[in-house]
mmCIF file of all heavy atoms, coordinates in Angstrom:
data_MODEL
# 
_entry.id   MODEL 
# 
loop_
_atom_site.group_PDB 
_atom_site.id 
_atom_site.type_symbol 
_atom_site.label_atom_id 
_atom_site.label_alt_id 
_atom_site.label_comp_id 
_atom_site.label_asym_id 
_atom_site.label_entity_id 
_atom_site.label_seq_id 
_atom_site.pdbx_PDB_ins_code 
_atom_site.Cartn_x 
_atom_site.Cartn_y 
_atom_site.Cartn_z 
_atom_site.occupancy 
_atom_site.B_iso_or_equiv 
_atom_site.pdbx_formal_charge 
_atom_site.auth_seq_id 
_atom_site.auth_comp_id 
_atom_site.auth_asym_id 
_atom_site.auth_atom_id 
_atom_site.pdbx_PDB_model_num 
ATOM 1   N N   . GLU A 1 1  ? -10.998 9.987  12.108 1.00 0.00 ? 1  GLU A N   1 
ATOM 2   C CA  . GLU A 1 1  ? -9.816  10.940 11.929 1.00 0.00 ? 1  GLU A CA  1 
ATOM 3   C C   . GLU A 1 1  ? -9.958  12.135 12.851 1.00 0.00 ? 1  GLU A C   1 
ATOM 4   O O   . GLU A 1 1  ? -8.933  12.843 13.310 1.00 0.00 ? 1  GLU A O   1 
ATOM 5   C CB  . GLU A 1 1  ? -9.758  11.425 10.471 1.00 0.00 ? 1  GLU A CB  1 
ATOM 6   C CG  . GLU A 1 1  ? -9.691  10.284 9.332  1.00 0.00 ? 1  GLU A CG  1 
ATOM 7   C CD  . GLU A 1 1  ? -11.037 9.823  8.938  1.00 0.00 ? 1  GLU A CD  1 
ATOM 8   O OE1 . GLU A 1 1  ? -12.088 10.551 9.091  1.00 0.00 ? 1  GLU A OE1 1 
ATOM 9   O OE2 . GLU A 1 1  ? -11.113 8.706  8.482  1.00 0.00 ? 1  GLU A OE2 1 
ATOM 10  N N   . PHE A 1 2  ? -11.177 12.606 13.139 1.00 0.00 ? 2  PHE A N   1 
ATOM 11  C CA  . PHE A 1 2  ? -11.393 13.791 14.005 1.00 0.00 ? 2  PHE A CA  1 
ATOM 12  C C   . PHE A 1 2  ? -10.857 13.563 15.324 1.00 0.00 ? 2  PHE A C   1 
ATOM 13  O O   . PHE A 1 2  ? -10.192 14.513 16.009 1.00 0.00 ? 2  PHE A O   1 
ATOM 14  C CB  . PHE A 1 2  ? -12.901 14.085 14.156 1.00 0.00 ? 2  PHE A CB  1 
ATOM 15  C CG  . PHE A 1 2  ? -13.713 13.000 14.764 1.00 0.00 ? 2  PHE A CG  1 
ATOM 16  C CD1 . PHE A 1 2  ? -13.880 13.016 16.113 1.00 0.00 ? 2  PHE A CD1 1 
ATOM 17  C CD2 . PHE A 1 2  ? -14.350 12.014 13.926 1.00 0.00 ? 2  PHE A CD2 1 
ATOM 18  C CE1 . PHE A 1 2  ? -14.680 11.942 16.735 1.00 0.00 ? 2  PHE A CE1 1 
ATOM 19  C CE2 . PHE A 1 2  ? -15.091 11.039 14.473 1.00 0.00 ? 2  PHE A CE2 1 
ATOM 20  C CZ  . PHE A 1 2  ? -15.282 10.980 15.920 1.00 0.00 ? 2  PHE A CZ  1 
ATOM 21  N N   . HIS A 1 3  ? -10.884 12.237 15.820 1.00 0.00 ? 3  HIS A N   1 
ATOM 22  C CA  . HIS A 1 3  ? -10.270 12.068 17.228 1.00 0.00 ? 3  HIS A CA  1 
ATOM 23  C C   . HIS A 1 3  ? -8.718  12.073 17.102 1.00 0.00 ? 3  HIS A C   1 
ATOM 24  O O   . HIS A 1 3  ? -8.121  12.722 17.966 1.00 0.00 ? 3  HIS A O   1 
ATOM 25  C CB  . HIS A 1 3  ? -10.681 10.709 17.680 1.00 0.00 ? 3  HIS A CB  1 
ATOM 26  C CG  . HIS A 1 3  ? -10.021 10.241 18.935 1.00 0.00 ? 3  HIS A CG  1 
ATOM 27  N ND1 . HIS A 1 3  ? -10.315 10.701 20.180 1.00 0.00 ? 3  HIS A ND1 1 
ATOM 28  C CD2 . HIS A 1 3  ? -8.879  9.394  19.151 1.00 0.00 ? 3  HIS A CD2 1 
ATOM 29  C CE1 . HIS A 1 3  ? -9.538  10.251 21.140 1.00 0.00 ? 3  HIS A CE1 1 
ATOM 30  N NE2 . HIS A 1 3  ? -8.684  9.448  20.538 1.00 0.00 ? 3  HIS A NE2 1 
ATOM 31  N N   . LEU A 1 4  ? -8.201  11.594 16.021 1.00 0.00 ? 4  LEU A N   1 
ATOM 32  C CA  . LEU A 1 4  ? -6.714  11.633 15.855 1.00 0.00 ? 4  LEU A CA  1 
ATOM 33  C C   . LEU A 1 4  ? -6.293  13.091 15.779 1.00 0.00 ? 4  LEU A C   1 
ATOM 34  O O   . LEU A 1 4  ? -5.273  13.494 16.357 1.00 0.00 ? 4  LEU A O   1 
ATOM 35  C CB  . LEU A 1 4  ? -6.309  10.824 14.626 1.00 0.00 ? 4  LEU A CB  1 
ATOM 36  C CG  . LEU A 1 4  ? -4.708  10.799 14.478 1.00 0.00 ? 4  LEU A CG  1 
ATOM 37  C CD1 . LEU A 1 4  ? -3.978  10.285 15.641 1.00 0.00 ? 4  LEU A CD1 1 
ATOM 38  C CD2 . LEU A 1 4  ? -4.450  9.926  13.223 1.00 0.00 ? 4  LEU A CD2 1 
ATOM 39  N N   . ARG A 1 5  ? -6.951  13.893 14.970 1.00 0.00 ? 5  ARG A N   1 
ATOM 40  C CA  . ARG A 1 5  ? -6.566  15.345 14.830 1.00 0.00 ? 5  ARG A CA  1 
ATOM 41  C C   . ARG A 1 5  ? -6.619  16.008 16.211 1.00 0.00 ? 5  ARG A C   1 
ATOM 42  O O   . ARG A 1 5  ? -5.740  16.775 16.591 1.00 0.00 ? 5  ARG A O   1 
ATOM 43  C CB  . ARG A 1 5  ? -7.595  16.038 13.886 1.00 0.00 ? 5  ARG A CB  1 
ATOM 44  C CG  . ARG A 1 5  ? -7.357  15.479 12.471 1.00 0.00 ? 5  ARG A CG  1 
ATOM 45  C CD  . ARG A 1 5  ? -8.296  16.307 11.443 1.00 0.00 ? 5  ARG A CD  1 
ATOM 46  N NE  . ARG A 1 5  ? -8.100  15.781 10.132 1.00 0.00 ? 5  ARG A NE  1 
ATOM 47  C CZ  . ARG A 1 5  ? -9.166  15.192 9.441  1.00 0.00 ? 5  ARG A CZ  1 
ATOM 48  N NH1 . ARG A 1 5  ? -10.323 15.024 10.066 1.00 0.00 ? 5  ARG A NH1 1 
ATOM 49  N NH2 . ARG A 1 5  ? -8.910  14.753 8.239  1.00 0.00 ? 5  ARG A NH2 1 
ATOM 50  N N   . LEU A 1 6  ? -7.697  15.760 16.956 1.00 0.00 ? 6  LEU A N   1 
ATOM 51  C CA  . LEU A 1 6  ? -7.811  16.354 18.340 1.00 0.00 ? 6  LEU A CA  1 
ATOM 52  C C   . LEU A 1 6  ? -6.641  15.909 19.222 1.00 0.00 ? 6  LEU A C   1 
ATOM 53  O O   . LEU A 1 6  ? -5.982  16.814 19.901 1.00 0.00 ? 6  LEU A O   1 
ATOM 54  C CB  . LEU A 1 6  ? -9.116  15.903 18.941 1.00 0.00 ? 6  LEU A CB  1 
ATOM 55  C CG  . LEU A 1 6  ? -9.405  16.333 20.462 1.00 0.00 ? 6  LEU A CG  1 
ATOM 56  C CD1 . LEU A 1 6  ? -9.433  17.902 20.526 1.00 0.00 ? 6  LEU A CD1 1 
ATOM 57  C CD2 . LEU A 1 6  ? -10.628 15.844 20.946 1.00 0.00 ? 6  LEU A CD2 1 
ATOM 58  N N   . ARG A 1 7  ? -6.309  14.667 19.227 1.00 0.00 ? 7  ARG A N   1 
ATOM 59  C CA  . ARG A 1 7  ? -5.206  14.217 20.100 1.00 0.00 ? 7  ARG A CA  1 
ATOM 60  C C   . ARG A 1 7  ? -3.860  14.720 19.563 1.00 0.00 ? 7  ARG A C   1 
ATOM 61  O O   . ARG A 1 7  ? -3.030  15.024 20.505 1.00 0.00 ? 7  ARG A O   1 
ATOM 62  C CB  . ARG A 1 7  ? -5.202  12.614 20.154 1.00 0.00 ? 7  ARG A CB  1 
ATOM 63  C CG  . ARG A 1 7  ? -6.334  12.049 20.848 1.00 0.00 ? 7  ARG A CG  1 
ATOM 64  C CD  . ARG A 1 7  ? -6.282  12.428 22.321 1.00 0.00 ? 7  ARG A CD  1 
ATOM 65  N NE  . ARG A 1 7  ? -5.208  11.722 23.065 1.00 0.00 ? 7  ARG A NE  1 
ATOM 66  C CZ  . ARG A 1 7  ? -4.503  12.198 23.975 1.00 0.00 ? 7  ARG A CZ  1 
ATOM 67  N NH1 . ARG A 1 7  ? -4.638  13.566 24.242 1.00 0.00 ? 7  ARG A NH1 1 
ATOM 68  N NH2 . ARG A 1 7  ? -3.489  11.566 24.590 1.00 0.00 ? 7  ARG A NH2 1 
ATOM 69  N N   . LEU A 1 8  ? -3.713  14.834 18.269 1.00 0.00 ? 8  LEU A N   1 
ATOM 70  C CA  . LEU A 1 8  ? -2.404  15.443 17.760 1.00 0.00 ? 8  LEU A CA  1 
ATOM 71  C C   . LEU A 1 8  ? -2.224  16.803 18.373 1.00 0.00 ? 8  LEU A C   1 
ATOM 72  O O   . LEU A 1 8  ? -1.038  17.174 18.844 1.00 0.00 ? 8  LEU A O   1 
ATOM 73  C CB  . LEU A 1 8  ? -2.423  15.484 16.335 1.00 0.00 ? 8  LEU A CB  1 
ATOM 74  C CG  . LEU A 1 8  ? -2.214  14.144 15.575 1.00 0.00 ? 8  LEU A CG  1 
ATOM 75  C CD1 . LEU A 1 8  ? -2.540  14.260 14.106 1.00 0.00 ? 8  LEU A CD1 1 
ATOM 76  C CD2 . LEU A 1 8  ? -0.774  13.715 15.736 1.00 0.00 ? 8  LEU A CD2 1 
ATOM 77  N N   . SER A 1 9  ? -3.270  17.606 18.468 1.00 0.00 ? 9  SER A N   1 
ATOM 78  C CA  . SER A 1 9  ? -3.187  18.980 18.988 1.00 0.00 ? 9  SER A CA  1 
ATOM 79  C C   . SER A 1 9  ? -2.912  18.970 20.453 1.00 0.00 ? 9  SER A C   1 
ATOM 80  O O   . SER A 1 9  ? -2.063  19.771 20.931 1.00 0.00 ? 9  SER A O   1 
ATOM 81  C CB  . SER A 1 9  ? -4.478  19.806 18.583 1.00 0.00 ? 9  SER A CB  1 
ATOM 82  O OG  . SER A 1 9  ? -5.526  19.295 19.380 1.00 0.00 ? 9  SER A OG  1 
ATOM 83  N N   . GLU A 1 10 ? -3.448  18.027 21.225 1.00 0.00 ? 10 GLU A N   1 
ATOM 84  C CA  . GLU A 1 10 ? -3.289  17.934 22.616 1.00 0.00 ? 10 GLU A CA  1 
ATOM 85  C C   . GLU A 1 10 ? -1.877  17.337 22.946 1.00 0.00 ? 10 GLU A C   1 
ATOM 86  O O   . GLU A 1 10 ? -1.365  17.650 24.041 1.00 0.00 ? 10 GLU A O   1 
ATOM 87  C CB  . GLU A 1 10 ? -4.296  16.934 23.190 1.00 0.00 ? 10 GLU A CB  1 
ATOM 88  C CG  . GLU A 1 10 ? -5.791  17.467 23.083 1.00 0.00 ? 10 GLU A CG  1 
ATOM 89  C CD  . GLU A 1 10 ? -6.786  16.580 23.534 1.00 0.00 ? 10 GLU A CD  1 
ATOM 90  O OE1 . GLU A 1 10 ? -6.538  15.356 23.505 1.00 0.00 ? 10 GLU A OE1 1 
ATOM 91  O OE2 . GLU A 1 10 ? -7.904  16.978 23.800 1.00 0.00 ? 10 GLU A OE2 1 
ATOM 92  N N   . LEU A 1 11 ? -1.286  16.611 21.996 1.00 0.00 ? 11 LEU A N   1 
ATOM 93  C CA  . LEU A 1 11 ? 0.038   15.956 22.313 1.00 0.00 ? 11 LEU A CA  1 
ATOM 94  C C   . LEU A 1 11 ? 1.217   16.775 21.779 1.00 0.00 ? 11 LEU A C   1 
ATOM 95  O O   . LEU A 1 11 ? 2.361   16.322 21.899 1.00 0.00 ? 11 LEU A O   1 
ATOM 96  C CB  . LEU A 1 11 ? 0.015   14.609 21.668 1.00 0.00 ? 11 LEU A CB  1 
ATOM 97  C CG  . LEU A 1 11 ? -0.850  13.546 22.352 1.00 0.00 ? 11 LEU A CG  1 
ATOM 98  C CD1 . LEU A 1 11 ? -1.015  12.359 21.463 1.00 0.00 ? 11 LEU A CD1 1 
ATOM 99  C CD2 . LEU A 1 11 ? -0.451  13.209 23.811 1.00 0.00 ? 11 LEU A CD2 1 
ATOM 100 N N   . GLY A 1 12 ? 0.882   17.916 21.258 1.00 0.00 ? 12 GLY A N   1 
ATOM 101 C CA  . GLY A 1 12 ? 2.054   18.805 20.741 1.00 0.00 ? 12 GLY A CA  1 
ATOM 102 C C   . GLY A 1 12 ? 2.503   18.533 19.418 1.00 0.00 ? 12 GLY A C   1 
ATOM 103 O O   . GLY A 1 12 ? 3.678   18.550 19.145 1.00 0.00 ? 12 GLY A O   1 
ATOM 104 N N   . PHE A 1 13 ? 1.607   18.183 18.502 1.00 0.00 ? 13 PHE A N   1 
ATOM 105 C CA  . PHE A 1 13 ? 1.809   17.948 17.110 1.00 0.00 ? 13 PHE A CA  1 
ATOM 106 C C   . PHE A 1 13 ? 1.069   19.030 16.266 1.00 0.00 ? 13 PHE A C   1 
ATOM 107 O O   . PHE A 1 13 ? 0.097   19.540 16.691 1.00 0.00 ? 13 PHE A O   1 
ATOM 108 C CB  . PHE A 1 13 ? 1.450   16.649 16.632 1.00 0.00 ? 13 PHE A CB  1 
ATOM 109 C CG  . PHE A 1 13 ? 2.148   15.460 17.189 1.00 0.00 ? 13 PHE A CG  1 
ATOM 110 C CD1 . PHE A 1 13 ? 1.882   14.893 18.378 1.00 0.00 ? 13 PHE A CD1 1 
ATOM 111 C CD2 . PHE A 1 13 ? 3.444   14.974 16.482 1.00 0.00 ? 13 PHE A CD2 1 
ATOM 112 C CE1 . PHE A 1 13 ? 2.679   13.806 18.835 1.00 0.00 ? 13 PHE A CE1 1 
ATOM 113 C CE2 . PHE A 1 13 ? 4.104   13.981 17.038 1.00 0.00 ? 13 PHE A CE2 1 
ATOM 114 C CZ  . PHE A 1 13 ? 3.716   13.415 18.284 1.00 0.00 ? 13 PHE A CZ  1 
ATOM 115 N N   . THR A 1 14 ? 1.599   19.359 15.134 1.00 0.00 ? 14 THR A N   1 
ATOM 116 C CA  . THR A 1 14 ? 0.903   20.116 14.157 1.00 0.00 ? 14 THR A CA  1 
ATOM 117 C C   . THR A 1 14 ? 0.792   19.380 12.861 1.00 0.00 ? 14 THR A C   1 
ATOM 118 O O   . THR A 1 14 ? 1.716   18.713 12.374 1.00 0.00 ? 14 THR A O   1 
ATOM 119 C CB  . THR A 1 14 ? 1.598   21.480 13.980 1.00 0.00 ? 14 THR A CB  1 
ATOM 120 O OG1 . THR A 1 14 ? 0.791   22.341 13.071 1.00 0.00 ? 14 THR A OG1 1 
ATOM 121 C CG2 . THR A 1 14 ? 3.076   21.344 13.364 1.00 0.00 ? 14 THR A CG2 1 
ATOM 122 N N   . ILE A 1 15 ? -0.337  19.465 12.232 1.00 0.00 ? 15 ILE A N   1 
ATOM 123 C CA  . ILE A 1 15 ? -0.515  18.759 10.897 1.00 0.00 ? 15 ILE A CA  1 
ATOM 124 C C   . ILE A 1 15 ? 0.036   19.636 9.795  1.00 0.00 ? 15 ILE A C   1 
ATOM 125 O O   . ILE A 1 15 ? -0.289  20.792 9.735  1.00 0.00 ? 15 ILE A O   1 
ATOM 126 C CB  . ILE A 1 15 ? -2.103  18.532 10.701 1.00 0.00 ? 15 ILE A CB  1 
ATOM 127 C CG1 . ILE A 1 15 ? -2.619  17.569 11.786 1.00 0.00 ? 15 ILE A CG1 1 
ATOM 128 C CG2 . ILE A 1 15 ? -2.372  18.125 9.301  1.00 0.00 ? 15 ILE A CG2 1 
ATOM 129 C CD1 . ILE A 1 15 ? -4.210  17.396 11.770 1.00 0.00 ? 15 ILE A CD1 1 
ATOM 130 N N   . THR A 1 16 ? 0.832   18.976 8.974  1.00 0.00 ? 16 THR A N   1 
ATOM 131 C CA  . THR A 1 16 ? 1.529   19.743 7.897  1.00 0.00 ? 16 THR A CA  1 
ATOM 132 C C   . THR A 1 16 ? 0.826   19.457 6.510  1.00 0.00 ? 16 THR A C   1 
ATOM 133 O O   . THR A 1 16 ? 0.882   20.275 5.574  1.00 0.00 ? 16 THR A O   1 
ATOM 134 C CB  . THR A 1 16 ? 2.912   19.454 7.729  1.00 0.00 ? 16 THR A CB  1 
ATOM 135 O OG1 . THR A 1 16 ? 3.102   17.939 7.557  1.00 0.00 ? 16 THR A OG1 1 
ATOM 136 C CG2 . THR A 1 16 ? 3.736   19.773 9.112  1.00 0.00 ? 16 THR A CG2 1 
ATOM 137 N N   . ASP A 1 17 ? 0.144   18.245 6.430  1.00 0.00 ? 17 ASP A N   1 
ATOM 138 C CA  . ASP A 1 17 ? -0.545  17.986 5.151  1.00 0.00 ? 17 ASP A CA  1 
ATOM 139 C C   . ASP A 1 17 ? -1.494  16.780 5.374  1.00 0.00 ? 17 ASP A C   1 
ATOM 140 O O   . ASP A 1 17 ? -1.285  16.030 6.359  1.00 0.00 ? 17 ASP A O   1 
ATOM 141 C CB  . ASP A 1 17 ? 0.421   17.653 4.004  1.00 0.00 ? 17 ASP A CB  1 
ATOM 142 C CG  . ASP A 1 17 ? -0.124  18.045 2.663  1.00 0.00 ? 17 ASP A CG  1 
ATOM 143 O OD1 . ASP A 1 17 ? -1.341  18.319 2.504  1.00 0.00 ? 17 ASP A OD1 1 
ATOM 144 O OD2 . ASP A 1 17 ? 0.609   18.094 1.691  1.00 0.00 ? 17 ASP A OD2 1 
ATOM 145 N N   . GLU A 1 18 ? -2.446  16.677 4.545  1.00 0.00 ? 18 GLU A N   1 
ATOM 146 C CA  . GLU A 1 18 ? -3.438  15.566 4.538  1.00 0.00 ? 18 GLU A CA  1 
ATOM 147 C C   . GLU A 1 18 ? -3.821  15.214 3.139  1.00 0.00 ? 18 GLU A C   1 
ATOM 148 O O   . GLU A 1 18 ? -3.765  15.921 2.210  1.00 0.00 ? 18 GLU A O   1 
ATOM 149 C CB  . GLU A 1 18 ? -4.740  15.934 5.333  1.00 0.00 ? 18 GLU A CB  1 
ATOM 150 C CG  . GLU A 1 18 ? -4.454  16.288 6.777  1.00 0.00 ? 18 GLU A CG  1 
ATOM 151 C CD  . GLU A 1 18 ? -5.707  16.856 7.369  1.00 0.00 ? 18 GLU A CD  1 
ATOM 152 O OE1 . GLU A 1 18 ? -6.220  17.898 6.914  1.00 0.00 ? 18 GLU A OE1 1 
ATOM 153 O OE2 . GLU A 1 18 ? -6.200  16.203 8.346  1.00 0.00 ? 18 GLU A OE2 1 
ATOM 154 N N   . PHE A 1 19 ? -4.063  13.861 3.055  1.00 0.00 ? 19 PHE A N   1 
ATOM 155 C CA  . PHE A 1 19 ? -4.417  13.304 1.633  1.00 0.00 ? 19 PHE A CA  1 
ATOM 156 C C   . PHE A 1 19 ? -5.627  12.276 1.855  1.00 0.00 ? 19 PHE A C   1 
ATOM 157 O O   . PHE A 1 19 ? -5.834  11.744 2.934  1.00 0.00 ? 19 PHE A O   1 
ATOM 158 C CB  . PHE A 1 19 ? -3.234  12.576 1.071  1.00 0.00 ? 19 PHE A CB  1 
ATOM 159 C CG  . PHE A 1 19 ? -1.989  13.376 0.913  1.00 0.00 ? 19 PHE A CG  1 
ATOM 160 C CD1 . PHE A 1 19 ? -1.023  13.361 1.974  1.00 0.00 ? 19 PHE A CD1 1 
ATOM 161 C CD2 . PHE A 1 19 ? -1.828  14.234 -0.145 1.00 0.00 ? 19 PHE A CD2 1 
ATOM 162 C CE1 . PHE A 1 19 ? 0.102   14.188 1.864  1.00 0.00 ? 19 PHE A CE1 1 
ATOM 163 C CE2 . PHE A 1 19 ? -0.659  15.057 -0.255 1.00 0.00 ? 19 PHE A CE2 1 
ATOM 164 C CZ  . PHE A 1 19 ? 0.226   14.971 0.742  1.00 0.00 ? 19 PHE A CZ  1 
ATOM 165 N N   . VAL A 1 20 ? -6.359  12.056 0.818  1.00 0.00 ? 20 VAL A N   1 
ATOM 166 C CA  . VAL A 1 20 ? -7.301  10.994 0.865  1.00 0.00 ? 20 VAL A CA  1 
ATOM 167 C C   . VAL A 1 20 ? -7.100  10.101 -0.436 1.00 0.00 ? 20 VAL A C   1 
ATOM 168 O O   . VAL A 1 20 ? -6.788  10.612 -1.483 1.00 0.00 ? 20 VAL A O   1 
ATOM 169 C CB  . VAL A 1 20 ? -8.717  11.534 0.860  1.00 0.00 ? 20 VAL A CB  1 
ATOM 170 C CG1 . VAL A 1 20 ? -9.053  12.297 -0.456 1.00 0.00 ? 20 VAL A CG1 1 
ATOM 171 C CG2 . VAL A 1 20 ? -9.745  10.378 1.070  1.00 0.00 ? 20 VAL A CG2 1 
ATOM 172 N N   . VAL A 1 21 ? -7.077  8.802  -0.178 1.00 0.00 ? 21 VAL A N   1 
ATOM 173 C CA  . VAL A 1 21 ? -6.863  7.813  -1.257 1.00 0.00 ? 21 VAL A CA  1 
ATOM 174 C C   . VAL A 1 21 ? -8.102  6.918  -1.278 1.00 0.00 ? 21 VAL A C   1 
ATOM 175 O O   . VAL A 1 21 ? -8.656  6.464  -0.203 1.00 0.00 ? 21 VAL A O   1 
ATOM 176 C CB  . VAL A 1 21 ? -5.612  6.938  -0.871 1.00 0.00 ? 21 VAL A CB  1 
ATOM 177 C CG1 . VAL A 1 21 ? -5.387  5.841  -1.971 1.00 0.00 ? 21 VAL A CG1 1 
ATOM 178 C CG2 . VAL A 1 21 ? -4.416  7.751  -0.686 1.00 0.00 ? 21 VAL A CG2 1 
ATOM 179 N N   . HIS A 1 22 ? -8.635  6.733  -2.465 1.00 0.00 ? 22 HIS A N   1 
ATOM 180 C CA  . HIS A 1 22 ? -9.700  5.780  -2.829 1.00 0.00 ? 22 HIS A CA  1 
ATOM 181 C C   . HIS A 1 22 ? -9.188  4.450  -3.322 1.00 0.00 ? 22 HIS A C   1 
ATOM 182 O O   . HIS A 1 22 ? -8.653  4.465  -4.440 1.00 0.00 ? 22 HIS A O   1 
ATOM 183 C CB  . HIS A 1 22 ? -10.741 6.410  -3.760 1.00 0.00 ? 22 HIS A CB  1 
ATOM 184 C CG  . HIS A 1 22 ? -11.938 5.611  -3.953 1.00 0.00 ? 22 HIS A CG  1 
ATOM 185 N ND1 . HIS A 1 22 ? -12.381 5.116  -5.062 1.00 0.00 ? 22 HIS A ND1 1 
ATOM 186 C CD2 . HIS A 1 22 ? -12.877 5.187  -2.918 1.00 0.00 ? 22 HIS A CD2 1 
ATOM 187 C CE1 . HIS A 1 22 ? -13.497 4.380  -4.883 1.00 0.00 ? 22 HIS A CE1 1 
ATOM 188 N NE2 . HIS A 1 22 ? -13.784 4.435  -3.556 1.00 0.00 ? 22 HIS A NE2 1 
ATOM 189 N N   . ASP A 1 23 ? -9.362  3.463  -2.503 1.00 0.00 ? 23 ASP A N   1 
ATOM 190 C CA  . ASP A 1 23 ? -8.893  2.084  -2.900 1.00 0.00 ? 23 ASP A CA  1 
ATOM 191 C C   . ASP A 1 23 ? -9.930  1.169  -2.383 1.00 0.00 ? 23 ASP A C   1 
ATOM 192 O O   . ASP A 1 23 ? -9.787  0.506  -1.342 1.00 0.00 ? 23 ASP A O   1 
ATOM 193 C CB  . ASP A 1 23 ? -7.569  1.834  -2.366 1.00 0.00 ? 23 ASP A CB  1 
ATOM 194 C CG  . ASP A 1 23 ? -6.905  0.558  -2.743 1.00 0.00 ? 23 ASP A CG  1 
ATOM 195 O OD1 . ASP A 1 23 ? -7.473  -0.030 -3.848 1.00 0.00 ? 23 ASP A OD1 1 
ATOM 196 O OD2 . ASP A 1 23 ? -5.884  0.076  -2.276 1.00 0.00 ? 23 ASP A OD2 1 
ATOM 197 N N   . ARG A 1 24 ? -11.021 1.085  -3.084 1.00 0.00 ? 24 ARG A N   1 
ATOM 198 C CA  . ARG A 1 24 ? -12.320 0.416  -2.665 1.00 0.00 ? 24 ARG A CA  1 
ATOM 199 C C   . ARG A 1 24 ? -12.895 1.203  -1.480 1.00 0.00 ? 24 ARG A C   1 
ATOM 200 O O   . ARG A 1 24 ? -14.163 1.443  -1.518 1.00 0.00 ? 24 ARG A O   1 
ATOM 201 C CB  . ARG A 1 24 ? -12.026 -1.055 -2.134 1.00 0.00 ? 24 ARG A CB  1 
ATOM 202 C CG  . ARG A 1 24 ? -11.650 -1.932 -3.411 1.00 0.00 ? 24 ARG A CG  1 
ATOM 203 C CD  . ARG A 1 24 ? -11.351 -3.376 -2.893 1.00 0.00 ? 24 ARG A CD  1 
ATOM 204 N NE  . ARG A 1 24 ? -12.536 -3.946 -2.323 1.00 0.00 ? 24 ARG A NE  1 
ATOM 205 C CZ  . ARG A 1 24 ? -12.496 -4.770 -1.239 1.00 0.00 ? 24 ARG A CZ  1 
ATOM 206 N NH1 . ARG A 1 24 ? -11.440 -5.040 -0.632 1.00 0.00 ? 24 ARG A NH1 1 
ATOM 207 N NH2 . ARG A 1 24 ? -13.702 -5.213 -0.818 1.00 0.00 ? 24 ARG A NH2 1 
ATOM 208 N N   . PHE A 1 25 ? -12.227 1.587  -0.549 1.00 0.00 ? 25 PHE A N   1 
ATOM 209 C CA  . PHE A 1 25 ? -12.728 2.442  0.492  1.00 0.00 ? 25 PHE A CA  1 
ATOM 210 C C   . PHE A 1 25 ? -11.905 3.655  0.543  1.00 0.00 ? 25 PHE A C   1 
ATOM 211 O O   . PHE A 1 25 ? -10.927 3.887  -0.263 1.00 0.00 ? 25 PHE A O   1 
ATOM 212 C CB  . PHE A 1 25 ? -12.518 1.801  1.889  1.00 0.00 ? 25 PHE A CB  1 
ATOM 213 C CG  . PHE A 1 25 ? -13.176 0.401  2.004  1.00 0.00 ? 25 PHE A CG  1 
ATOM 214 C CD1 . PHE A 1 25 ? -12.412 -0.761 1.847  1.00 0.00 ? 25 PHE A CD1 1 
ATOM 215 C CD2 . PHE A 1 25 ? -14.527 0.311  2.286  1.00 0.00 ? 25 PHE A CD2 1 
ATOM 216 C CE1 . PHE A 1 25 ? -13.059 -1.969 1.912  1.00 0.00 ? 25 PHE A CE1 1 
ATOM 217 C CE2 . PHE A 1 25 ? -15.101 -0.861 2.337  1.00 0.00 ? 25 PHE A CE2 1 
ATOM 218 C CZ  . PHE A 1 25 ? -14.324 -2.060 2.181  1.00 0.00 ? 25 PHE A CZ  1 
ATOM 219 N N   . TYR A 1 26 ? -12.319 4.721  1.244  1.00 0.00 ? 26 TYR A N   1 
ATOM 220 C CA  . TYR A 1 26 ? -11.521 5.946  1.356  1.00 0.00 ? 26 TYR A CA  1 
ATOM 221 C C   . TYR A 1 26 ? -10.595 5.901  2.576  1.00 0.00 ? 26 TYR A C   1 
ATOM 222 O O   . TYR A 1 26 ? -11.046 5.544  3.631  1.00 0.00 ? 26 TYR A O   1 
ATOM 223 C CB  . TYR A 1 26 ? -12.485 7.139  1.498  1.00 0.00 ? 26 TYR A CB  1 
ATOM 224 C CG  . TYR A 1 26 ? -13.201 7.604  0.247  1.00 0.00 ? 26 TYR A CG  1 
ATOM 225 C CD1 . TYR A 1 26 ? -14.458 7.217  -0.084 1.00 0.00 ? 26 TYR A CD1 1 
ATOM 226 C CD2 . TYR A 1 26 ? -12.462 8.353  -0.825 1.00 0.00 ? 26 TYR A CD2 1 
ATOM 227 C CE1 . TYR A 1 26 ? -15.025 7.586  -1.213 1.00 0.00 ? 26 TYR A CE1 1 
ATOM 228 C CE2 . TYR A 1 26 ? -13.076 8.725  -1.931 1.00 0.00 ? 26 TYR A CE2 1 
ATOM 229 C CZ  . TYR A 1 26 ? -14.349 8.340  -2.175 1.00 0.00 ? 26 TYR A CZ  1 
ATOM 230 O OH  . TYR A 1 26 ? -14.969 8.642  -3.350 1.00 0.00 ? 26 TYR A OH  1 
# 
């Protein structure tokens, strides 16, 4: 996820919210 967050900032996006779901895995 850290790579995606970095690329979002580089590509001109801003993160508005985040969630985590546990369904066997996170």
